[in-house]
Amino acid sequence: GVANKIVLLLFGIAVVLHLAAALFIYYTNFYPFGGGEGDAPRYHNAAAAISEDFRSGVFSLERILEHRKQNAVTQHWYAVVLGGLYALTLPEKLVGIMLGVWFSSFSALLVFFIARELGSSSSRSFIAGMAAVFYPSLMYFGSLLLREGLVAFLFLATLLFALRTLKLFDSAQGRHFSWNTFLFFYLALSALFHFRFYMGFVALFAFLLSWLFVFGTSW
């Protein structure tokens, strides 16, 4: 269903608006919240150093850990994700910011698909997706060189595949269990635990609580 016109329209709007927000923030130094850019400079420095190693053919885990430690980004591997992107493109801040723009834009699509999974019409799901596009904190923090866009994407992906996994046990719909659906749920949840532990805990708790309703009620 991704090639649907309304989906493409939503994604196009999301990319344009989030890209405009990112460029505005970047070129005007508009950082009114969280003490400026936050951890963005440290992510960038670690990613640039890691990308230099990757370009030189050095993929040593020890070197990666050293760069992370030097720039105090040892809690997660987002700087390594950025380093891989820098190695394939350019080690520029704006490149890393664009990655956040993509994640934020895809997050709006996931909200659309979650609404569809819950039974909403395409038009109502489009409105839900547009609400995600204009959600202030996602618009702002997703436009910085931070992991927030990725965390939002992973959280929504976890919810979407949790819904689909639960639906597989709805015998009235004639669905059969799919290991692929469960695998996507597991991978998204595992990545979410890595990049933002407490968000992963919330998503897992919601999934387990919903499971009780699936087996404990007829509705």
Protein backbone atom coordinates (compact mmCIF):
# COMPACT_ATOMS: atom_id res chain seq x y z
CA GLY A 1 0.00 0.00 0.00
CA VAL A 2 3.01 2.31 0.02
CA ALA A 3 2.54 3.26 -3.66
CA ASN A 4 -0.91 4.67 -2.88
CA LYS A 5 -1.38 8.31 -4.01
CA ILE A 6 -2.50 9.53 -0.60
CA VAL A 7 0.54 7.87 1.01
CA LEU A 8 2.90 9.50 -1.48
CA LEU A 9 1.21 12.86 -0.92
CA LEU A 10 1.60 12.55 2.85
CA PHE A 11 5.25 11.54 2.53
CA GLY A 12 5.96 14.39 0.10
CA ILE A 13 4.43 16.95 2.45
CA ALA A 14 6.32 15.48 5.42
CA VAL A 15 9.68 15.61 3.62
CA VAL A 16 9.19 19.17 2.38
CA LEU A 17 8.08 20.57 5.74
CA HIS A 18 10.68 18.74 7.83
CA LEU A 19 13.40 19.64 5.35
CA ALA A 20 12.36 23.30 5.50
CA ALA A 21 12.38 23.19 9.31
CA ALA A 22 15.82 21.54 9.37
CA LEU A 23 17.35 24.08 6.99
CA PHE A 24 15.80 26.98 8.88
CA ILE A 25 17.14 25.72 12.23
CA TYR A 26 20.57 24.93 10.78
CA TYR A 27 21.19 28.22 8.96
CA THR A 28 19.62 30.52 11.59
CA ASN A 29 21.06 28.69 14.62
CA PHE A 30 17.56 28.49 16.09
CA TYR A 31 18.17 26.44 19.24
CA PRO A 32 15.79 27.73 21.94
CA PHE A 33 15.35 24.40 23.75
CA GLY A 34 17.66 21.94 25.46
CA GLY A 35 20.72 24.14 25.73
CA GLY A 36 21.46 24.64 22.07
CA GLU A 37 22.30 21.67 19.86
CA GLY A 38 22.56 19.29 22.78
CA ASP A 39 24.74 16.27 22.03
CA ALA A 40 24.82 16.97 18.27
CA PRO A 41 28.46 18.22 18.16
CA ARG A 42 29.67 15.11 19.98
CA TYR A 43 27.72 12.82 17.63
CA HIS A 44 29.16 14.65 14.65
CA ASN A 45 32.77 14.53 15.85
CA ALA A 46 32.59 10.83 16.68
CA ALA A 47 30.85 10.05 13.38
CA ALA A 48 33.43 12.03 11.37
CA ALA A 49 36.29 10.13 13.02
CA ILE A 50 34.57 6.78 12.48
CA SER A 51 33.87 7.63 8.83
CA GLU A 52 37.56 8.35 8.26
CA ASP A 53 38.37 4.85 9.51
CA PHE A 54 35.66 3.33 7.32
CA ARG A 55 36.97 5.17 4.24
CA SER A 56 40.44 3.83 5.02
CA GLY A 57 39.11 0.30 5.26
CA VAL A 58 39.47 0.15 9.04
CA PHE A 59 36.44 -1.48 10.67
CA SER A 60 37.99 -2.23 14.03
CA LEU A 61 35.52 -2.45 16.91
CA GLU A 62 38.26 -1.22 19.22
CA ARG A 63 38.71 1.95 17.14
CA ILE A 64 34.96 2.56 17.07
CA LEU A 65 34.75 2.22 20.85
CA GLU A 66 37.72 4.55 21.21
CA HIS A 67 36.09 7.26 19.07
CA ARG A 68 32.85 6.91 21.00
CA LYS A 69 34.66 7.17 24.32
CA GLN A 70 36.67 10.22 23.26
CA ASN A 71 33.46 12.05 22.33
CA ALA A 72 31.39 10.75 25.27
CA VAL A 73 28.78 8.98 23.12
CA THR A 74 29.09 5.54 24.67
CA GLN A 75 25.44 4.94 25.56
CA HIS A 76 24.31 3.97 22.05
CA TRP A 77 25.58 3.50 18.50
CA TYR A 78 23.85 6.36 16.70
CA ALA A 79 27.24 7.99 16.05
CA VAL A 80 28.27 4.76 14.29
CA VAL A 81 25.14 4.94 12.10
CA LEU A 82 26.10 8.51 11.22
CA GLY A 83 29.69 7.41 10.61
CA GLY A 84 28.53 4.86 8.06
CA LEU A 85 26.43 7.51 6.32
CA TYR A 86 29.34 9.97 6.33
CA ALA A 87 31.61 7.33 4.83
CA LEU A 88 29.19 6.85 1.93
CA THR A 89 28.56 10.59 1.40
CA LEU A 90 30.30 13.51 3.10
CA PRO A 91 31.29 14.04 6.76
CA GLU A 92 29.11 17.15 7.04
CA LYS A 93 26.63 18.04 9.77
CA LEU A 94 23.91 18.75 7.26
CA VAL A 95 24.14 15.18 5.97
CA GLY A 96 23.47 13.82 9.45
CA ILE A 97 20.59 16.24 9.89
CA MET A 98 19.05 15.00 6.62
CA LEU A 99 19.01 11.47 8.07
CA GLY A 100 16.84 12.75 10.91
CA VAL A 101 14.55 14.41 8.36
CA TRP A 102 14.02 11.06 6.62
CA PHE A 103 13.27 9.26 9.89
CA SER A 104 10.80 11.97 10.93
CA SER A 105 9.08 11.86 7.54
CA PHE A 106 8.77 8.07 7.65
CA SER A 107 7.34 8.42 11.16
CA ALA A 108 4.37 10.31 9.71
CA LEU A 109 3.80 7.40 7.31
CA LEU A 110 3.86 4.94 10.20
CA VAL A 111 1.17 6.97 11.99
CA PHE A 112 -0.91 6.71 8.79
CA PHE A 113 -0.47 2.93 8.66
CA ILE A 114 -1.24 2.55 12.39
CA ALA A 115 -4.49 4.46 11.88
CA ARG A 116 -5.33 2.21 8.91
CA GLU A 117 -4.53 -0.86 11.01
CA LEU A 118 -6.99 0.39 13.63
CA GLY A 119 -9.74 0.62 11.00
CA SER A 120 -9.67 4.30 10.01
CA SER A 121 -10.42 5.39 6.47
CA SER A 122 -7.66 6.68 4.20
CA SER A 123 -8.82 10.29 4.66
CA ARG A 124 -8.90 10.05 8.46
CA SER A 125 -5.54 8.26 8.47
CA PHE A 126 -4.15 11.06 6.30
CA ILE A 127 -5.28 13.60 8.94
CA ALA A 128 -3.55 11.51 11.62
CA GLY A 129 -0.37 11.47 9.53
CA MET A 130 -0.53 15.23 9.03
CA ALA A 131 -0.91 15.69 12.80
CA ALA A 132 2.35 13.77 13.17
CA VAL A 133 4.01 15.96 10.53
CA PHE A 134 3.14 19.10 12.50
CA TYR A 135 3.83 17.61 15.93
CA PRO A 136 6.04 20.35 17.45
CA SER A 137 8.65 18.27 19.29
CA LEU A 138 9.13 15.91 16.34
CA MET A 139 9.36 18.87 13.98
CA TYR A 140 12.05 20.50 16.11
CA PHE A 141 14.11 17.67 17.58
CA GLY A 142 13.78 15.60 14.41
CA SER A 143 15.49 18.47 12.59
CA LEU A 144 18.63 18.29 14.72
CA LEU A 145 21.61 15.96 14.45
CA LEU A 146 20.20 13.79 17.23
CA ARG A 147 18.69 10.32 17.55
CA GLU A 148 15.16 11.66 18.25
CA GLY A 149 13.90 11.09 14.70
CA LEU A 150 15.18 7.51 14.77
CA VAL A 151 13.63 6.87 18.19
CA ALA A 152 10.23 8.14 17.03
CA PHE A 153 10.47 5.97 13.91
CA LEU A 154 11.40 2.84 15.89
CA PHE A 155 8.68 3.42 18.49
CA LEU A 156 5.97 3.81 15.85
CA ALA A 157 7.31 0.83 13.89
CA THR A 158 7.14 -1.23 17.09
CA LEU A 159 3.52 -0.19 17.64
CA LEU A 160 2.58 -0.98 14.03
CA PHE A 161 4.08 -4.46 14.07
CA ALA A 162 2.71 -5.09 17.57
CA LEU A 163 -0.78 -4.39 16.20
CA ARG A 164 -0.20 -6.68 13.25
CA THR A 165 1.19 -9.43 15.47
CA LEU A 166 -1.83 -9.25 17.77
CA LYS A 167 -4.17 -9.39 14.79
CA LEU A 168 -2.56 -12.65 13.68
CA PHE A 169 -4.23 -14.30 16.67
CA ASP A 170 -7.69 -13.06 15.69
CA SER A 171 -9.20 -16.32 14.46
CA ALA A 172 -12.37 -14.55 13.34
CA GLN A 173 -10.36 -12.80 10.64
CA GLY A 174 -8.89 -16.09 9.42
CA ARG A 175 -5.32 -14.87 9.81
CA HIS A 176 -2.41 -17.19 10.46
CA PHE A 177 0.68 -16.47 12.51
CA SER A 178 3.55 -14.98 10.50
CA TRP A 179 7.11 -15.25 11.71
CA ASN A 180 8.09 -12.37 9.41
CA THR A 181 5.68 -9.98 11.16
CA PHE A 182 6.88 -11.06 14.58
CA LEU A 183 10.52 -10.78 13.46
CA PHE A 184 9.99 -7.16 12.33
CA PHE A 185 8.34 -6.42 15.68
CA TYR A 186 11.24 -8.02 17.56
CA LEU A 187 13.91 -6.17 15.56
CA ALA A 188 12.19 -2.79 15.91
CA LEU A 189 11.69 -3.32 19.66
CA SER A 190 15.30 -4.46 20.16
CA ALA A 191 16.64 -1.40 18.34
CA LEU A 192 14.29 0.83 20.36
CA PHE A 193 15.61 -0.64 23.63
CA HIS A 194 19.14 0.15 22.47
CA PHE A 195 18.57 3.75 21.40
CA ARG A 196 16.08 4.73 24.16
CA PHE A 197 15.58 2.10 26.83
CA TYR A 198 12.55 3.53 28.63
CA MET A 199 10.66 3.97 25.34
CA GLY A 200 11.29 0.32 24.56
CA PHE A 201 10.00 -0.62 28.00
CA VAL A 202 6.79 1.35 27.41
CA ALA A 203 6.26 -0.27 23.99
CA LEU A 204 6.84 -3.76 25.40
CA PHE A 205 4.48 -3.14 28.32
CA ALA A 206 1.78 -1.89 25.94
CA PHE A 207 2.20 -5.01 23.80
CA LEU A 208 1.98 -7.39 26.77
CA LEU A 209 -1.02 -5.57 28.24
CA SER A 210 -2.83 -5.67 24.88
CA TRP A 211 -2.11 -9.39 24.65
CA LEU A 212 -4.31 -9.97 27.74
CA PHE A 213 -7.24 -8.33 25.99
CA VAL A 214 -6.79 -10.46 22.88
CA PHE A 215 -7.04 -13.72 24.82
CA GLY A 216 -9.25 -12.51 27.67
CA THR A 217 -12.18 -10.95 25.82
CA SER A 218 -14.36 -11.64 22.81
CA TRP A 219 -14.24 -8.07 21.51
